[in-house]
Amino acid sequence: MVLASVFSTFSDALSFIVEPQDSRGGPGLKVGGLGELGDLAGNHFLICAVALALAIALAMPLALWLGHLGRAEFLAVSTANVGRAVPALAIIAFCVAFLGTG
């Protein structure tokens, strides 16, 4: 039963990407479809590039400074490990909430 619900949701998402849908914003407005896929992908890549540039601009000077000092190694490694673990924990929490536990 749960598996059918997941596949139904996936099918709806795939249908939204391929076929334009009526918008809730007003009559006659269409959203989604292959026509918007290129624009949305371009916006996504732009947002990712800006986020990556900001992360590099913040992390590189801090990493060079901490590496030069030779201190706070434990703090830097611990922070990086937490940053690696949080997305996986968020996905697990989302799956438990979406699919249920039993």
N, C-alpha and C. Protein backbone atom coordinates (compact mmCIF):
# COMPACT_ATOMS: atom_id res chain seq x y z
N MET A 1 0.82 -1.19 0.00
CA MET A 1 0.00 0.00 0.00
C MET A 1 0.87 1.25 0.00
N VAL A 2 1.87 1.27 0.86
CA VAL A 2 2.75 2.43 0.94
C VAL A 2 3.56 2.56 -0.34
N LEU A 3 4.00 1.43 -0.89
CA LEU A 3 4.79 1.44 -2.12
C LEU A 3 3.98 2.02 -3.27
N ALA A 4 2.71 1.69 -3.36
CA ALA A 4 1.85 2.25 -4.40
C ALA A 4 1.72 3.75 -4.24
N SER A 5 1.65 4.23 -3.02
CA SER A 5 1.56 5.66 -2.77
C SER A 5 2.83 6.37 -3.22
N VAL A 6 3.97 5.76 -2.96
CA VAL A 6 5.25 6.36 -3.37
C VAL A 6 5.33 6.42 -4.88
N PHE A 7 4.96 5.33 -5.57
CA PHE A 7 5.02 5.33 -7.03
C PHE A 7 4.01 6.30 -7.63
N SER A 8 2.87 6.46 -6.99
CA SER A 8 1.88 7.42 -7.46
C SER A 8 2.44 8.84 -7.36
N THR A 9 3.10 9.14 -6.25
CA THR A 9 3.70 10.46 -6.07
C THR A 9 4.80 10.68 -7.09
N PHE A 10 5.64 9.67 -7.33
CA PHE A 10 6.70 9.79 -8.32
C PHE A 10 6.12 9.98 -9.71
N SER A 11 5.06 9.27 -10.02
CA SER A 11 4.41 9.40 -11.32
C SER A 11 3.85 10.80 -11.50
N ASP A 12 3.25 11.35 -10.45
CA ASP A 12 2.73 12.72 -10.52
C ASP A 12 3.86 13.73 -10.74
N ALA A 13 4.99 13.53 -10.08
CA ALA A 13 6.12 14.44 -10.25
C ALA A 13 6.67 14.36 -11.67
N LEU A 14 6.78 13.16 -12.21
CA LEU A 14 7.26 12.99 -13.57
C LEU A 14 6.28 13.61 -14.56
N SER A 15 5.01 13.45 -14.32
CA SER A 15 3.99 14.06 -15.17
C SER A 15 4.08 15.58 -15.11
N PHE A 16 4.38 16.14 -13.95
CA PHE A 16 4.51 17.59 -13.81
C PHE A 16 5.69 18.11 -14.63
N ILE A 17 6.77 17.34 -14.67
CA ILE A 17 7.95 17.77 -15.42
C ILE A 17 7.67 17.75 -16.92
N VAL A 18 6.99 16.73 -17.39
CA VAL A 18 6.81 16.54 -18.83
C VAL A 18 5.63 17.32 -19.38
N GLU A 19 4.54 17.41 -18.65
CA GLU A 19 3.32 18.03 -19.15
C GLU A 19 3.01 19.31 -18.37
N PRO A 20 2.68 20.40 -19.07
CA PRO A 20 2.28 21.61 -18.36
C PRO A 20 0.98 21.37 -17.58
N GLN A 21 0.90 21.98 -16.41
CA GLN A 21 -0.28 21.83 -15.55
C GLN A 21 -0.92 23.19 -15.33
N ASP A 22 -2.21 23.19 -15.02
CA ASP A 22 -2.89 24.43 -14.68
C ASP A 22 -2.39 24.93 -13.34
N SER A 23 -2.13 26.23 -13.26
CA SER A 23 -1.63 26.82 -12.02
C SER A 23 -2.79 27.14 -11.09
N ARG A 24 -2.49 27.16 -9.80
CA ARG A 24 -3.49 27.58 -8.82
C ARG A 24 -3.54 29.10 -8.72
N GLY A 25 -2.61 29.78 -9.39
CA GLY A 25 -2.52 31.23 -9.30
C GLY A 25 -3.60 31.95 -10.08
N GLY A 26 -4.24 31.30 -10.99
CA GLY A 26 -5.28 31.95 -11.76
C GLY A 26 -5.63 31.13 -12.98
N PRO A 27 -6.75 31.44 -13.61
CA PRO A 27 -7.17 30.67 -14.78
C PRO A 27 -6.25 30.96 -15.97
N GLY A 28 -5.94 29.92 -16.71
CA GLY A 28 -5.15 30.08 -17.92
C GLY A 28 -3.64 30.08 -17.70
N LEU A 29 -3.18 30.06 -16.48
CA LEU A 29 -1.75 30.03 -16.21
C LEU A 29 -1.27 28.59 -16.21
N LYS A 30 -0.21 28.33 -16.96
CA LYS A 30 0.36 26.99 -17.03
C LYS A 30 1.73 27.00 -16.35
N VAL A 31 2.03 25.94 -15.62
CA VAL A 31 3.35 25.78 -15.00
C VAL A 31 3.87 24.40 -15.32
N GLY A 32 5.19 24.26 -15.28
CA GLY A 32 5.80 22.97 -15.54
C GLY A 32 5.92 22.70 -17.02
N GLY A 33 6.22 21.48 -17.35
CA GLY A 33 6.36 21.09 -18.74
C GLY A 33 7.80 21.21 -19.22
N LEU A 34 8.06 20.59 -20.36
CA LEU A 34 9.42 20.59 -20.91
C LEU A 34 9.86 21.98 -21.34
N GLY A 35 8.92 22.86 -21.66
CA GLY A 35 9.27 24.22 -22.07
C GLY A 35 9.96 25.00 -20.97
N GLU A 36 9.60 24.77 -19.72
CA GLU A 36 10.20 25.48 -18.60
C GLU A 36 11.39 24.74 -18.00
N LEU A 37 11.62 23.51 -18.43
CA LEU A 37 12.67 22.71 -17.82
C LEU A 37 14.05 23.34 -17.99
N GLY A 38 14.34 23.87 -19.17
CA GLY A 38 15.63 24.51 -19.41
C GLY A 38 15.84 25.74 -18.54
N ASP A 39 14.81 26.59 -18.44
CA ASP A 39 14.91 27.79 -17.60
C ASP A 39 15.08 27.43 -16.14
N LEU A 40 14.31 26.46 -15.68
CA LEU A 40 14.41 26.06 -14.28
C LEU A 40 15.76 25.41 -13.98
N ALA A 41 16.27 24.61 -14.91
CA ALA A 41 17.59 24.00 -14.73
C ALA A 41 18.67 25.07 -14.71
N GLY A 42 18.55 26.08 -15.58
CA GLY A 42 19.50 27.18 -15.59
C GLY A 42 19.49 27.95 -14.28
N ASN A 43 18.29 28.22 -13.75
CA ASN A 43 18.19 28.89 -12.45
C ASN A 43 18.80 28.05 -11.35
N HIS A 44 18.56 26.75 -11.40
CA HIS A 44 19.12 25.85 -10.39
C HIS A 44 20.65 25.87 -10.43
N PHE A 45 21.22 25.79 -11.62
CA PHE A 45 22.68 25.80 -11.73
C PHE A 45 23.26 27.14 -11.28
N LEU A 46 22.56 28.23 -11.55
CA LEU A 46 23.02 29.55 -11.10
C LEU A 46 23.02 29.63 -9.58
N ILE A 47 21.96 29.16 -8.95
CA ILE A 47 21.88 29.16 -7.48
C ILE A 47 22.99 28.29 -6.90
N CYS A 48 23.22 27.12 -7.50
CA CYS A 48 24.29 26.23 -7.02
C CYS A 48 25.66 26.88 -7.18
N ALA A 49 25.89 27.56 -8.30
CA ALA A 49 27.19 28.21 -8.52
C ALA A 49 27.41 29.34 -7.52
N VAL A 50 26.38 30.12 -7.24
CA VAL A 50 26.51 31.21 -6.26
C VAL A 50 26.77 30.64 -4.87
N ALA A 51 26.05 29.58 -4.50
CA ALA A 51 26.26 28.96 -3.19
C ALA A 51 27.66 28.39 -3.08
N LEU A 52 28.15 27.76 -4.15
CA LEU A 52 29.50 27.21 -4.14
C LEU A 52 30.55 28.31 -4.03
N ALA A 53 30.35 29.40 -4.76
CA ALA A 53 31.29 30.52 -4.69
C ALA A 53 31.33 31.13 -3.29
N LEU A 54 30.15 31.29 -2.67
CA LEU A 54 30.11 31.82 -1.30
C LEU A 54 30.78 30.87 -0.32
N ALA A 55 30.55 29.58 -0.48
CA ALA A 55 31.17 28.60 0.42
C ALA A 55 32.68 28.61 0.27
N ILE A 56 33.16 28.70 -0.96
CA ILE A 56 34.61 28.76 -1.18
C ILE A 56 35.18 30.05 -0.62
N ALA A 57 34.48 31.16 -0.84
CA ALA A 57 34.97 32.45 -0.35
C ALA A 57 35.04 32.49 1.18
N LEU A 58 34.15 31.79 1.84
CA LEU A 58 34.18 31.75 3.31
C LEU A 58 35.12 30.69 3.85
N ALA A 59 35.12 29.52 3.25
CA ALA A 59 35.86 28.39 3.82
C ALA A 59 37.35 28.42 3.53
N MET A 60 37.75 28.85 2.35
CA MET A 60 39.17 28.81 2.00
C MET A 60 40.02 29.71 2.89
N PRO A 61 39.66 30.99 3.09
CA PRO A 61 40.50 31.80 3.99
C PRO A 61 40.52 31.25 5.41
N LEU A 62 39.38 30.77 5.89
CA LEU A 62 39.33 30.20 7.24
C LEU A 62 40.21 28.95 7.33
N ALA A 63 40.16 28.10 6.32
CA ALA A 63 40.98 26.89 6.33
C ALA A 63 42.47 27.22 6.26
N LEU A 64 42.82 28.18 5.43
CA LEU A 64 44.23 28.58 5.34
C LEU A 64 44.72 29.17 6.66
N TRP A 65 43.89 29.98 7.29
CA TRP A 65 44.26 30.60 8.56
C TRP A 65 44.42 29.54 9.66
N LEU A 66 43.44 28.62 9.75
CA LEU A 66 43.53 27.57 10.76
C LEU A 66 44.71 26.63 10.48
N GLY A 67 44.97 26.35 9.22
CA GLY A 67 46.12 25.51 8.89
C GLY A 67 47.43 26.19 9.23
N HIS A 68 47.49 27.49 9.05
CA HIS A 68 48.71 28.23 9.37
C HIS A 68 48.95 28.26 10.88
N LEU A 69 47.87 28.44 11.65
CA LEU A 69 48.00 28.49 13.11
C LEU A 69 48.35 27.12 13.69
N GLY A 70 47.82 26.07 13.09
CA GLY A 70 48.05 24.73 13.61
C GLY A 70 47.22 24.41 14.84
N ARG A 71 46.23 25.24 15.14
CA ARG A 71 45.35 25.00 16.28
C ARG A 71 43.93 24.79 15.78
N ALA A 72 43.07 24.39 16.67
CA ALA A 72 41.64 24.20 16.39
C ALA A 72 41.39 23.10 15.37
N GLU A 73 42.31 22.15 15.28
CA GLU A 73 42.13 21.04 14.35
C GLU A 73 40.91 20.21 14.72
N PHE A 74 40.76 19.93 16.02
CA PHE A 74 39.63 19.12 16.47
C PHE A 74 38.30 19.81 16.15
N LEU A 75 38.23 21.12 16.37
CA LEU A 75 37.00 21.87 16.08
C LEU A 75 36.69 21.83 14.59
N ALA A 76 37.69 22.04 13.75
CA ALA A 76 37.46 22.04 12.31
C ALA A 76 37.01 20.67 11.81
N VAL A 77 37.66 19.62 12.28
CA VAL A 77 37.30 18.27 11.84
C VAL A 77 35.91 17.89 12.35
N SER A 78 35.61 18.24 13.59
CA SER A 78 34.29 17.93 14.15
C SER A 78 33.19 18.67 13.41
N THR A 79 33.42 19.93 13.09
CA THR A 79 32.42 20.71 12.35
C THR A 79 32.20 20.12 10.96
N ALA A 80 33.28 19.72 10.30
CA ALA A 80 33.15 19.11 8.98
C ALA A 80 32.39 17.79 9.05
N ASN A 81 32.65 17.00 10.07
CA ASN A 81 31.95 15.71 10.20
C ASN A 81 30.46 15.91 10.48
N VAL A 82 30.12 16.90 11.28
CA VAL A 82 28.71 17.20 11.52
C VAL A 82 28.05 17.65 10.22
N GLY A 83 28.76 18.47 9.45
CA GLY A 83 28.23 18.92 8.16
C GLY A 83 28.00 17.79 7.19
N ARG A 84 28.80 16.74 7.29
CA ARG A 84 28.61 15.57 6.43
C ARG A 84 27.46 14.70 6.91
N ALA A 85 27.20 14.66 8.21
CA ALA A 85 26.18 13.76 8.76
C ALA A 85 24.77 14.33 8.70
N VAL A 86 24.64 15.64 8.79
CA VAL A 86 23.31 16.25 8.88
C VAL A 86 22.44 15.95 7.66
N PRO A 87 22.92 16.06 6.40
CA PRO A 87 22.03 15.74 5.28
C PRO A 87 21.50 14.31 5.31
N ALA A 88 22.33 13.36 5.69
CA ALA A 88 21.87 11.97 5.76
C ALA A 88 20.80 11.81 6.83
N LEU A 89 20.99 12.45 7.97
CA LEU A 89 19.99 12.38 9.03
C LEU A 89 18.69 13.05 8.61
N ALA A 90 18.79 14.14 7.85
CA ALA A 90 17.58 14.81 7.37
C ALA A 90 16.82 13.93 6.40
N ILE A 91 17.52 13.22 5.54
CA ILE A 91 16.85 12.32 4.59
C ILE A 91 16.18 11.17 5.34
N ILE A 92 16.84 10.64 6.35
CA ILE A 92 16.24 9.56 7.14
C ILE A 92 14.97 10.07 7.83
N ALA A 93 15.03 11.26 8.42
CA ALA A 93 13.86 11.82 9.10
C ALA A 93 12.73 12.08 8.11
N PHE A 94 13.06 12.57 6.92
CA PHE A 94 12.04 12.81 5.91
C PHE A 94 11.38 11.50 5.48
N CYS A 95 12.19 10.47 5.25
CA CYS A 95 11.64 9.18 4.84
C CYS A 95 10.76 8.56 5.91
N VAL A 96 11.17 8.68 7.17
CA VAL A 96 10.35 8.15 8.26
C VAL A 96 9.02 8.90 8.33
N ALA A 97 9.07 10.22 8.17
CA ALA A 97 7.84 11.01 8.23
C ALA A 97 6.95 10.73 7.02
N PHE A 98 7.55 10.56 5.85
CA PHE A 98 6.77 10.38 4.62
C PHE A 98 6.24 8.95 4.50
N LEU A 99 7.09 7.97 4.76
CA LEU A 99 6.70 6.58 4.57
C LEU A 99 6.09 5.94 5.81
N GLY A 100 6.39 6.50 6.96
CA GLY A 100 5.91 5.91 8.21
C GLY A 100 6.92 4.91 8.74
N THR A 101 6.69 4.48 9.96
CA THR A 101 7.64 3.56 10.57
C THR A 101 7.13 2.13 10.63
N GLY A 102 5.91 1.88 10.31
CA GLY A 102 5.42 0.51 10.44
C GLY A 102 4.49 0.18 9.39
